[in-house]
Amino acid sequence: MNIGLNARALTIGLAFLGIISGCAADQRWRSAMQEGNHALRAGDYTHAEESFVAARKEAEILDPQGKRLADTLSQLGEVNRELGRLPRAEALFQEALAIRERVFGPSHADTASSLTDLGELYRMQGLYTQSEALHQRAKEIREKVFGADHSKTAESLNNIAVVYQDQRRFADAEPVLQRALAIFEKQLGPEQSLTAITRDNLAKLYQAQGQHARAMPLYQRALTIHEKAFGPNHPIVARNLENLADTYRAQNQYPQAEVLYQRAVSIFRKSIGNDHVDTAEAMSRLGQLYELQGLYSQAEPLFQQAIAIREKQQGAENPQVAGELKNLAGLYQSQNKLEQSEDLYKQALVIYEQSVGYDGEAYAKTLKSYASLLRRKQRSGEADRLEERAKSVLKRLSLETQNRSSTSADVPVSR
């Protein structure tokens, strides 16, 4: 896996709501929302979900199809997204958006929040065109409501830049991130969490381009801020640890990377559970580190656990499962277990080819890896065909990236 692409980007949209005051009748709703938001901030997603479900019941009685219900649905969707239940999260976000558009109109700040929620959900699924459109719309609303130099506008700029980064549109992403960071530092201060998130994403951009010396101090600063803000055992801290570990790994500083990956795995297990996709991701990265060092017996169970978790949480046909199968296939290939490796490559390619929009960079890499195995088995004709297919996919992706860069919406980077 490409280390730069795998660095954990952090979009901004998690709303720790300031609960509105009201009559005694809504006290139970307000209390449940406050409890849920506290648990959400602490990374206790199980408790958060229980609280928001209770709040939803109260909102449906007190305020059917109104602000309370939309706020509750939005937070409940956030929990489901964090737990990897993406279809459920989408349904909740869509319902909240429909209510807010009807109650407040299409150009309200609350509507922009729902657009942001959906935009991040689609980005996580690789639906970049839909994601960018939603984040752009949210930015335009926030510019009109709050102004071009408001922190809310900066949140949308950060989110747009992350979508660009995921597509390797680094020239598009950097000025947008720089603009967002400048706003946050001015409006909120250099040590605030949203500032740290944007700084972390800027580090990811540098790392993806091999500029590790520029990425490292930004990652370290973001980690320090988040440890102070959320405590040492919060999921956002674990994501910072993964990103910093990736930078050490890219510079062949394996002992430093191992400590950070292991700590990330431990945090995820304690905060969101052994069966969460973020836990699987951290295990997979630690497995890749062991594979690089030839520690195959330590890498194999980590890859196997990552596959099992993703199959359980995301379904056996999910492209993320295919990525984990590719990792295990590569491990077996390194050990000359060619038959086992080939079976896994085939499974991965079938999953990719049955997925919507499958023919991306991960698919091309799997084709090339499988081709290298076929050459070892003296099946050069099959290998040639796979390599040609991979080359065609990568060429098309490059052209699409160029076209998107030349036709992307004009995001203000200075004002």
Protein backbone atom coordinates (compact mmCIF):
# COMPACT_ATOMS: atom_id res chain seq x y z
CA MET A 1 0.00 0.00 0.00
CA ASN A 2 1.10 3.53 -0.68
CA ILE A 3 1.86 5.10 2.66
CA GLY A 4 0.90 8.59 1.59
CA LEU A 5 -2.50 7.52 0.38
CA ASN A 6 -3.20 5.61 3.54
CA ALA A 7 -2.44 8.42 5.97
CA ARG A 8 -5.61 9.13 7.89
CA ALA A 9 -7.24 12.31 6.63
CA LEU A 10 -9.43 14.05 9.16
CA THR A 11 -12.47 15.86 7.86
CA ILE A 12 -14.28 18.33 10.04
CA GLY A 13 -17.95 17.92 10.69
CA LEU A 14 -18.35 16.37 14.13
CA ALA A 15 -20.79 18.72 15.84
CA PHE A 16 -20.73 18.74 19.61
CA LEU A 17 -24.01 20.53 19.81
CA GLY A 18 -24.73 23.35 22.15
CA ILE A 19 -28.14 22.17 23.36
CA ILE A 20 -30.88 24.76 23.10
CA SER A 21 -32.71 25.74 26.25
CA GLY A 22 -36.43 25.21 26.54
CA CYS A 23 -39.34 24.29 28.73
CA ALA A 24 -39.38 21.40 31.17
CA ALA A 25 -41.00 19.16 28.56
CA ASP A 26 -37.80 18.85 26.56
CA GLN A 27 -35.52 18.31 29.55
CA ARG A 28 -35.18 14.58 28.91
CA TRP A 29 -34.24 15.23 25.29
CA ARG A 30 -31.67 17.85 26.23
CA SER A 31 -30.20 15.62 28.93
CA ALA A 32 -29.92 12.65 26.55
CA MET A 33 -28.28 14.81 23.87
CA GLN A 34 -25.79 16.24 26.32
CA GLU A 35 -24.90 12.76 27.55
CA GLY A 36 -24.59 11.48 23.98
CA ASN A 37 -22.36 14.35 22.89
CA HIS A 38 -20.13 13.86 25.91
CA ALA A 39 -19.77 10.15 25.10
CA LEU A 40 -19.16 10.94 21.43
CA ARG A 41 -16.40 13.38 22.30
CA ALA A 42 -14.84 10.74 24.55
CA GLY A 43 -14.97 8.11 21.79
CA ASP A 44 -17.47 5.98 23.72
CA TYR A 45 -19.67 5.24 20.72
CA THR A 46 -21.78 2.54 22.35
CA HIS A 47 -22.88 4.88 25.13
CA ALA A 48 -23.32 7.71 22.64
CA GLU A 49 -25.62 5.61 20.49
CA GLU A 50 -27.76 4.61 23.45
CA SER A 51 -28.13 8.24 24.48
CA PHE A 52 -29.02 9.48 21.01
CA VAL A 53 -31.58 6.69 20.53
CA ALA A 54 -33.22 7.83 23.77
CA ALA A 55 -33.07 11.44 22.59
CA ARG A 56 -34.66 10.48 19.29
CA LYS A 57 -37.67 8.97 21.05
CA GLU A 58 -38.19 12.20 22.98
CA ALA A 59 -37.70 14.34 19.86
CA GLU A 60 -40.26 12.36 17.89
CA ILE A 61 -42.82 13.14 20.60
CA LEU A 62 -41.88 16.76 21.28
CA ASP A 63 -40.76 17.97 17.89
CA PRO A 64 -41.72 15.59 15.05
CA GLN A 65 -40.09 16.67 11.80
CA GLY A 66 -38.45 19.65 13.52
CA LYS A 67 -35.10 20.95 14.72
CA ARG A 68 -34.74 18.62 17.68
CA LEU A 69 -35.30 15.54 15.56
CA ALA A 70 -32.90 16.72 12.83
CA ASP A 71 -30.19 17.45 15.40
CA THR A 72 -30.66 14.03 16.95
CA LEU A 73 -30.63 12.20 13.62
CA SER A 74 -27.43 14.01 12.65
CA GLN A 75 -25.62 12.92 15.80
CA LEU A 76 -26.96 9.38 15.54
CA GLY A 77 -25.69 9.28 11.96
CA GLU A 78 -22.28 10.43 13.18
CA VAL A 79 -22.11 7.53 15.62
CA ASN A 80 -23.08 5.02 12.94
CA ARG A 81 -20.45 6.46 10.60
CA GLU A 82 -17.79 6.13 13.27
CA LEU A 83 -18.88 2.54 13.85
CA GLY A 84 -18.56 1.77 10.14
CA ARG A 85 -22.30 1.32 9.53
CA LEU A 86 -22.29 3.45 6.42
CA PRO A 87 -25.70 2.59 4.89
CA ARG A 88 -27.37 3.27 8.21
CA ALA A 89 -25.45 6.52 8.62
CA GLU A 90 -26.46 7.64 5.12
CA ALA A 91 -30.15 7.06 5.82
CA LEU A 92 -29.95 9.11 9.03
CA PHE A 93 -28.03 11.94 7.38
CA GLN A 94 -30.46 12.04 4.47
CA GLU A 95 -33.42 12.23 6.83
CA ALA A 96 -31.81 15.04 8.81
CA LEU A 97 -31.01 16.94 5.60
CA ALA A 98 -34.59 16.62 4.35
CA ILE A 99 -35.94 18.02 7.62
CA ARG A 100 -33.49 20.92 7.68
CA GLU A 101 -34.13 21.87 4.07
CA ARG A 102 -37.86 21.85 4.72
CA VAL A 103 -37.74 23.69 8.06
CA PHE A 104 -34.89 26.15 7.44
CA GLY A 105 -34.48 26.22 3.67
CA PRO A 106 -31.62 25.21 1.36
CA SER A 107 -29.27 28.03 2.38
CA HIS A 108 -29.28 27.69 6.16
CA ALA A 109 -26.24 26.90 8.30
CA ASP A 110 -27.90 23.76 9.68
CA THR A 111 -28.50 22.57 6.11
CA ALA A 112 -24.80 23.09 5.43
CA SER A 113 -24.00 20.85 8.41
CA SER A 114 -26.08 18.03 6.94
CA LEU A 115 -24.42 18.49 3.56
CA THR A 116 -21.05 18.19 5.30
CA ASP A 117 -22.10 14.98 7.03
CA LEU A 118 -23.12 13.39 3.75
CA GLY A 119 -20.07 14.71 1.95
CA GLU A 120 -17.72 12.99 4.36
CA LEU A 121 -19.73 9.76 4.17
CA TYR A 122 -19.42 9.71 0.38
CA ARG A 123 -15.70 10.52 0.54
CA MET A 124 -15.17 7.51 2.79
CA GLN A 125 -16.75 5.37 0.08
CA GLY A 126 -14.65 6.86 -2.73
CA LEU A 127 -17.62 8.73 -4.24
CA TYR A 128 -15.55 11.83 -4.79
CA THR A 129 -17.73 13.65 -7.30
CA GLN A 130 -20.73 13.51 -4.97
CA SER A 131 -18.59 14.35 -1.95
CA GLU A 132 -16.96 17.38 -3.53
CA ALA A 133 -20.30 18.75 -4.73
CA LEU A 134 -21.79 18.54 -1.23
CA HIS A 135 -18.78 20.13 0.46
CA GLN A 136 -18.70 22.89 -2.15
CA ARG A 137 -22.37 23.63 -1.55
CA ALA A 138 -21.80 23.69 2.21
CA LYS A 139 -18.89 26.12 1.73
CA GLU A 140 -20.99 28.47 -0.37
CA ILE A 141 -23.74 28.51 2.26
CA ARG A 142 -21.26 29.19 5.05
CA GLU A 143 -19.56 31.98 3.13
CA LYS A 144 -22.92 33.72 2.78
CA VAL A 145 -24.05 33.08 6.35
CA PHE A 146 -20.79 33.55 8.27
CA GLY A 147 -18.35 35.20 5.87
CA ALA A 148 -15.30 34.07 3.93
CA ASP A 149 -12.95 34.24 6.92
CA HIS A 150 -15.09 32.40 9.46
CA SER A 151 -14.03 29.12 11.04
CA LYS A 152 -17.14 27.40 9.65
CA THR A 153 -16.05 28.33 6.14
CA ALA A 154 -12.58 27.03 6.98
CA GLU A 155 -14.11 23.68 7.99
CA SER A 156 -15.58 23.31 4.51
CA LEU A 157 -12.29 24.32 2.89
CA ASN A 158 -10.51 21.61 4.89
CA ASN A 159 -13.09 19.04 3.82
CA ILE A 160 -12.82 19.97 0.14
CA ALA A 161 -9.04 19.70 0.35
CA VAL A 162 -9.29 16.19 1.84
CA VAL A 163 -11.41 15.11 -1.13
CA TYR A 164 -8.70 16.48 -3.43
CA GLN A 165 -5.99 14.67 -1.47
CA ASP A 166 -7.77 11.36 -1.75
CA GLN A 167 -7.64 11.79 -5.52
CA ARG A 168 -3.95 12.83 -5.42
CA ARG A 169 -4.87 16.32 -6.58
CA PHE A 170 -2.14 17.79 -4.42
CA ALA A 171 -1.76 21.03 -6.36
CA ASP A 172 -5.47 21.69 -5.79
CA ALA A 173 -5.42 20.63 -2.15
CA GLU A 174 -2.42 22.53 -0.76
CA PRO A 175 -3.61 26.13 -1.25
CA VAL A 176 -7.05 25.25 0.10
CA LEU A 177 -5.54 23.66 3.20
CA GLN A 178 -3.21 26.61 3.69
CA ARG A 179 -6.18 28.97 3.49
CA ALA A 180 -8.17 26.91 6.00
CA LEU A 181 -5.20 26.72 8.38
CA ALA A 182 -4.66 30.48 8.23
CA ILE A 183 -8.32 31.10 9.12
CA PHE A 184 -8.27 28.64 12.01
CA GLU A 185 -5.05 30.02 13.46
CA LYS A 186 -6.43 33.55 13.30
CA GLN A 187 -9.96 32.84 14.53
CA LEU A 188 -9.44 29.96 16.97
CA GLY A 189 -5.74 29.97 17.79
CA PRO A 190 -2.84 27.67 16.85
CA GLU A 191 -3.52 25.10 19.58
CA GLN A 192 -7.23 24.52 18.94
CA SER A 193 -8.36 21.06 17.78
CA LEU A 194 -9.74 22.15 14.41
CA THR A 195 -6.46 23.91 13.71
CA ALA A 196 -4.63 20.71 14.61
CA ILE A 197 -6.84 18.63 12.30
CA THR A 198 -6.10 20.91 9.36
CA ARG A 199 -2.40 20.91 10.20
CA ASP A 200 -2.53 17.11 10.28
CA ASN A 201 -4.08 17.04 6.83
CA LEU A 202 -1.39 19.37 5.50
CA ALA A 203 1.18 16.94 6.89
CA LYS A 204 -0.58 14.12 5.06
CA LEU A 205 -0.29 16.05 1.82
CA TYR A 206 3.47 16.49 2.28
CA GLN A 207 3.89 12.88 3.28
CA ALA A 208 2.05 11.65 0.19
CA GLN A 209 4.58 13.54 -1.91
CA GLY A 210 7.56 12.10 -0.03
CA GLN A 211 8.27 15.32 1.90
CA HIS A 212 8.59 13.54 5.23
CA ALA A 213 10.74 16.19 6.89
CA ARG A 214 7.89 18.69 6.40
CA ALA A 215 5.22 16.24 7.50
CA MET A 216 6.82 14.99 10.72
CA PRO A 217 6.67 18.16 12.88
CA LEU A 218 3.12 18.88 11.77
CA TYR A 219 2.01 15.38 12.77
CA GLN A 220 3.79 15.63 16.11
CA ARG A 221 2.19 18.96 16.92
CA ALA A 222 -1.29 17.71 16.02
CA LEU A 223 -0.75 14.65 18.21
CA THR A 224 0.29 16.77 21.19
CA ILE A 225 -2.75 19.03 20.83
CA HIS A 226 -5.19 16.14 20.57
CA GLU A 227 -3.70 14.26 23.50
CA LYS A 228 -4.19 17.39 25.57
CA ALA A 229 -7.69 18.08 24.27
CA PHE A 230 -9.16 14.56 24.26
CA GLY A 231 -6.87 12.50 26.45
CA PRO A 232 -4.34 9.84 25.42
CA ASN A 233 -6.88 7.13 24.60
CA HIS A 234 -9.23 8.81 22.14
CA PRO A 235 -9.70 7.46 18.57
CA ILE A 236 -8.56 10.76 17.05
CA VAL A 237 -5.27 10.37 18.93
CA ALA A 238 -4.93 6.86 17.51
CA ARG A 239 -5.38 8.24 13.99
CA ASN A 240 -2.67 10.82 14.65
CA LEU A 241 -0.41 8.01 15.87
CA GLU A 242 -1.01 6.04 12.67
CA ASN A 243 -0.10 9.00 10.51
CA LEU A 244 3.08 9.69 12.45
CA ALA A 245 3.97 6.00 12.33
CA ASP A 246 3.52 6.02 8.55
CA THR A 247 6.13 8.77 8.32
CA TYR A 248 8.61 6.77 10.40
CA ARG A 249 7.92 3.70 8.28
CA ALA A 250 8.53 5.61 5.06
CA GLN A 251 11.95 6.60 6.40
CA ASN A 252 12.78 3.01 7.44
CA GLN A 253 12.63 3.92 11.14
CA TYR A 254 10.81 0.73 11.96
CA PRO A 255 11.17 0.55 15.78
CA GLN A 256 9.64 4.02 16.18
CA ALA A 257 6.82 3.13 13.80
CA GLU A 258 6.09 -0.16 15.58
CA VAL A 259 5.59 1.51 18.96
CA LEU A 260 3.12 3.99 17.49
CA TYR A 261 1.15 1.40 15.50
CA GLN A 262 0.89 -0.85 18.55
CA ARG A 263 -0.35 2.03 20.65
CA ALA A 264 -2.94 2.91 17.97
CA VAL A 265 -4.22 -0.67 17.90
CA SER A 266 -4.51 -0.68 21.68
CA ILE A 267 -6.43 2.61 21.74
CA PHE A 268 -8.87 1.48 19.07
CA ARG A 269 -9.51 -1.82 20.84
CA LYS A 270 -10.28 -0.06 24.11
CA SER A 271 -12.28 2.85 22.72
CA ILE A 272 -14.27 1.45 19.80
CA GLY A 273 -13.79 -2.30 20.11
CA ASN A 274 -11.95 -5.24 18.58
CA ASP A 275 -14.35 -5.50 15.65
CA HIS A 276 -14.23 -1.92 14.35
CA VAL A 277 -12.87 -1.14 10.90
CA ASP A 278 -10.44 1.39 12.37
CA THR A 279 -9.00 -1.40 14.52
CA ALA A 280 -8.66 -3.49 11.37
CA GLU A 281 -6.88 -0.64 9.60
CA ALA A 282 -4.38 -0.22 12.41
CA MET A 283 -3.73 -3.97 12.51
CA SER A 284 -3.19 -4.01 8.78
CA ARG A 285 -0.64 -1.21 8.95
CA LEU A 286 1.23 -2.94 11.73
CA GLY A 287 1.18 -6.10 9.62
CA GLN A 288 2.66 -4.23 6.68
CA LEU A 289 5.45 -2.97 8.92
CA TYR A 290 6.26 -6.52 10.02
CA GLU A 291 6.20 -7.73 6.43
CA LEU A 292 8.73 -5.07 5.43
CA GLN A 293 11.06 -6.49 8.07
CA GLY A 294 10.49 -10.10 7.02
CA LEU A 295 8.57 -10.87 10.21
CA TYR A 296 6.00 -12.92 8.35
CA SER A 297 4.70 -14.95 11.27
CA GLN A 298 3.80 -11.71 13.08
CA ALA A 299 2.24 -10.09 10.03
CA GLU A 300 0.01 -12.99 8.96
CA PRO A 301 -2.42 -13.07 11.93
CA LEU A 302 -2.81 -9.30 11.75
CA PHE A 303 -3.82 -9.45 8.08
CA GLN A 304 -6.17 -12.35 8.79
CA GLN A 305 -7.84 -10.47 11.64
CA ALA A 306 -8.19 -7.36 9.47
CA ILE A 307 -9.92 -9.42 6.78
CA ALA A 308 -12.29 -11.02 9.29
CA ILE A 309 -13.24 -7.67 10.84
CA ARG A 310 -13.90 -6.00 7.50
CA GLU A 311 -15.94 -8.95 6.22
CA LYS A 312 -18.06 -8.81 9.35
CA GLN A 313 -18.54 -5.05 9.39
CA GLN A 314 -18.46 -4.11 5.70
CA GLY A 315 -19.47 -7.31 3.93
CA ALA A 316 -17.38 -9.86 2.06
CA GLU A 317 -17.80 -7.99 -1.25
CA ASN A 318 -16.50 -4.64 0.01
CA PRO A 319 -13.43 -3.23 -1.81
CA GLN A 320 -11.76 -2.68 1.56
CA VAL A 321 -11.84 -6.44 2.03
CA ALA A 322 -10.16 -6.80 -1.36
CA GLY A 323 -7.37 -4.51 -0.16
CA GLU A 324 -6.76 -6.69 2.87
CA LEU A 325 -6.81 -9.84 0.72
CA LYS A 326 -4.16 -8.23 -1.48
CA ASN A 327 -2.01 -7.58 1.61
CA LEU A 328 -2.20 -11.21 2.67
CA ALA A 329 -1.57 -12.36 -0.91
CA GLY A 330 1.57 -10.24 -1.02
CA LEU A 331 2.73 -11.74 2.25
CA TYR A 332 2.33 -15.29 0.91
CA GLN A 333 4.07 -14.30 -2.31
CA SER A 334 7.04 -13.06 -0.27
CA GLN A 335 7.20 -16.50 1.36
CA ASN A 336 6.94 -18.29 -1.99
CA LYS A 337 3.49 -19.67 -1.10
CA LEU A 338 2.38 -19.02 -4.64
CA GLU A 339 -0.78 -21.10 -4.77
CA GLN A 340 -2.23 -19.49 -1.65
CA SER A 341 -1.18 -16.10 -2.94
CA GLU A 342 -2.84 -16.60 -6.32
CA ASP A 343 -6.14 -17.64 -4.75
CA LEU A 344 -6.21 -14.45 -2.71
CA TYR A 345 -5.32 -12.21 -5.67
CA LYS A 346 -8.17 -13.78 -7.63
CA GLN A 347 -10.61 -13.19 -4.78
CA ALA A 348 -9.51 -9.57 -4.50
CA LEU A 349 -9.90 -8.92 -8.23
CA VAL A 350 -13.37 -10.47 -8.28
CA ILE A 351 -14.45 -8.15 -5.46
CA TYR A 352 -13.01 -5.09 -7.20
CA GLU A 353 -14.60 -5.98 -10.52
CA GLN A 354 -18.03 -6.46 -8.96
CA SER A 355 -17.87 -3.08 -7.19
CA VAL A 356 -19.19 0.19 -8.54
CA GLY A 357 -16.29 2.32 -9.71
CA TYR A 358 -13.87 -0.50 -8.97
CA ASP A 359 -11.23 0.41 -11.54
CA GLY A 360 -9.14 2.69 -9.37
CA GLU A 361 -5.58 2.77 -8.16
CA ALA A 362 -6.03 -0.09 -5.67
CA TYR A 363 -7.39 -2.29 -8.45
CA ALA A 364 -4.45 -1.41 -10.72
CA LYS A 365 -1.96 -2.23 -7.97
CA THR A 366 -3.60 -5.59 -7.40
CA LEU A 367 -3.39 -6.35 -11.12
CA LYS A 368 0.32 -5.53 -11.13
CA SER A 369 1.01 -7.58 -8.00
CA TYR A 370 -0.82 -10.57 -9.43
CA ALA A 371 1.08 -10.16 -12.70
CA SER A 372 4.38 -10.32 -10.82
CA LEU A 373 3.29 -13.59 -9.23
CA LEU A 374 2.28 -15.04 -12.62
CA ARG A 375 5.72 -14.25 -13.99
CA ARG A 376 7.26 -16.25 -11.19
CA LYS A 377 5.02 -19.13 -12.27
CA GLN A 378 6.22 -18.78 -15.88
CA ARG A 379 2.82 -17.51 -17.09
CA SER A 380 4.09 -14.43 -18.86
CA GLY A 381 1.20 -14.19 -21.33
CA GLU A 382 -1.34 -13.79 -18.55
CA ALA A 383 0.98 -11.41 -16.75
CA ASP A 384 1.29 -9.23 -19.85
CA ARG A 385 -2.48 -8.90 -20.14
CA LEU A 386 -2.87 -7.94 -16.50
CA GLU A 387 -0.10 -5.36 -16.75
CA GLU A 388 -1.68 -3.83 -19.85
CA ARG A 389 -4.99 -3.60 -18.03
CA ALA A 390 -3.31 -1.94 -15.04
CA LYS A 391 -1.50 0.48 -17.33
CA SER A 392 -4.77 1.41 -19.03
CA VAL A 393 -6.51 2.02 -15.70
CA LEU A 394 -3.70 4.22 -14.39
CA LYS A 395 -3.58 6.22 -17.62
CA ARG A 396 -7.32 6.86 -17.46
CA LEU A 397 -7.09 7.87 -13.80
CA SER A 398 -4.29 10.31 -14.62
CA LEU A 399 -6.36 11.91 -17.37
CA GLU A 400 -9.38 12.15 -15.10
CA THR A 401 -7.31 13.83 -12.39
CA GLN A 402 -6.02 16.37 -14.91
CA ASN A 403 -9.53 17.06 -16.14
CA ARG A 404 -10.90 17.47 -12.61
CA SER A 405 -8.09 19.85 -11.75
CA SER A 406 -8.78 22.01 -14.79
CA THR A 407 -12.55 22.10 -14.31
CA SER A 408 -12.90 22.07 -10.51
CA ALA A 409 -14.95 24.76 -8.86
CA ASP A 410 -13.08 27.92 -7.95
CA VAL A 411 -12.29 27.62 -4.27
CA PRO A 412 -11.11 30.94 -2.80
CA VAL A 413 -7.66 30.55 -1.31
CA SER A 414 -7.20 34.24 -0.59
CA ARG A 415 -9.67 36.98 -0.09
